[in-house]
Amino acid sequence: MVTNILRNLNNFHIHNLASKWFDFVA
C-alpha cells in the first residue's frame, strides 16, 4: 500500500513537471 501511494505521488510529480515544461515550450 505504501509503495502504491509513493508511485501515485511520483506519477503526479512527473505529470506536474511535464505540464509546466509544455506550458513553457508552448
C-alpha atoms as a PDB file:
ATOM      1  CA  MET A   1       0.000   0.000   0.000  1.00  0.00           C
ATOM      2  CA  VAL A   2       2.830   2.399   0.836  1.00  0.00           C
ATOM      3  CA  THR A   3       4.531   1.689  -2.487  1.00  0.00           C
ATOM      4  CA  ASN A   4       1.241   2.365  -4.276  1.00  0.00           C
ATOM      5  CA  ILE A   5       0.963   5.786  -2.605  1.00  0.00           C
ATOM      6  CA  LEU A   6       4.579   6.612  -3.452  1.00  0.00           C
ATOM      7  CA  ARG A   7       4.009   5.543  -7.044  1.00  0.00           C
ATOM      8  CA  ASN A   8       0.946   7.786  -7.296  1.00  0.00           C
ATOM      9  CA  LEU A   9       2.873  10.741  -5.857  1.00  0.00           C
ATOM     10  CA  ASN A  10       5.728  10.100  -8.274  1.00  0.00           C
ATOM     11  CA  ASN A  11       3.353   9.956 -11.255  1.00  0.00           C
ATOM     12  CA  PHE A  12       1.683  13.192 -10.133  1.00  0.00           C
ATOM     13  CA  HIS A  13       5.085  14.880  -9.752  1.00  0.00           C
ATOM     14  CA  ILE A  14       6.180  13.804 -13.243  1.00  0.00           C
ATOM     15  CA  HIS A  15       2.861  14.946 -14.712  1.00  0.00           C
ATOM     16  CA  ASN A  16       3.250  18.304 -12.953  1.00  0.00           C
ATOM     17  CA  LEU A  17       6.767  18.805 -14.357  1.00  0.00           C
ATOM     18  CA  ALA A  18       5.611  17.792 -17.847  1.00  0.00           C
ATOM     19  CA  SER A  19       2.708  20.245 -17.695  1.00  0.00           C
ATOM     20  CA  LYS A  20       4.977  23.108 -16.641  1.00  0.00           C
ATOM     21  CA  TRP A  21       7.545  22.195 -19.304  1.00  0.00           C
ATOM     22  CA  PHE A  22       4.886  22.066 -22.038  1.00  0.00           C
ATOM     23  CA  ASP A  23       3.481  25.405 -20.848  1.00  0.00           C
ATOM     24  CA  PHE A  24       6.989  26.857 -21.122  1.00  0.00           C
ATOM     25  CA  VAL A  25       7.552  25.416 -24.610  1.00  0.00           C
ATOM     26  CA  ALA A  26       4.138  26.476 -25.850  1.00  0.00           C
END
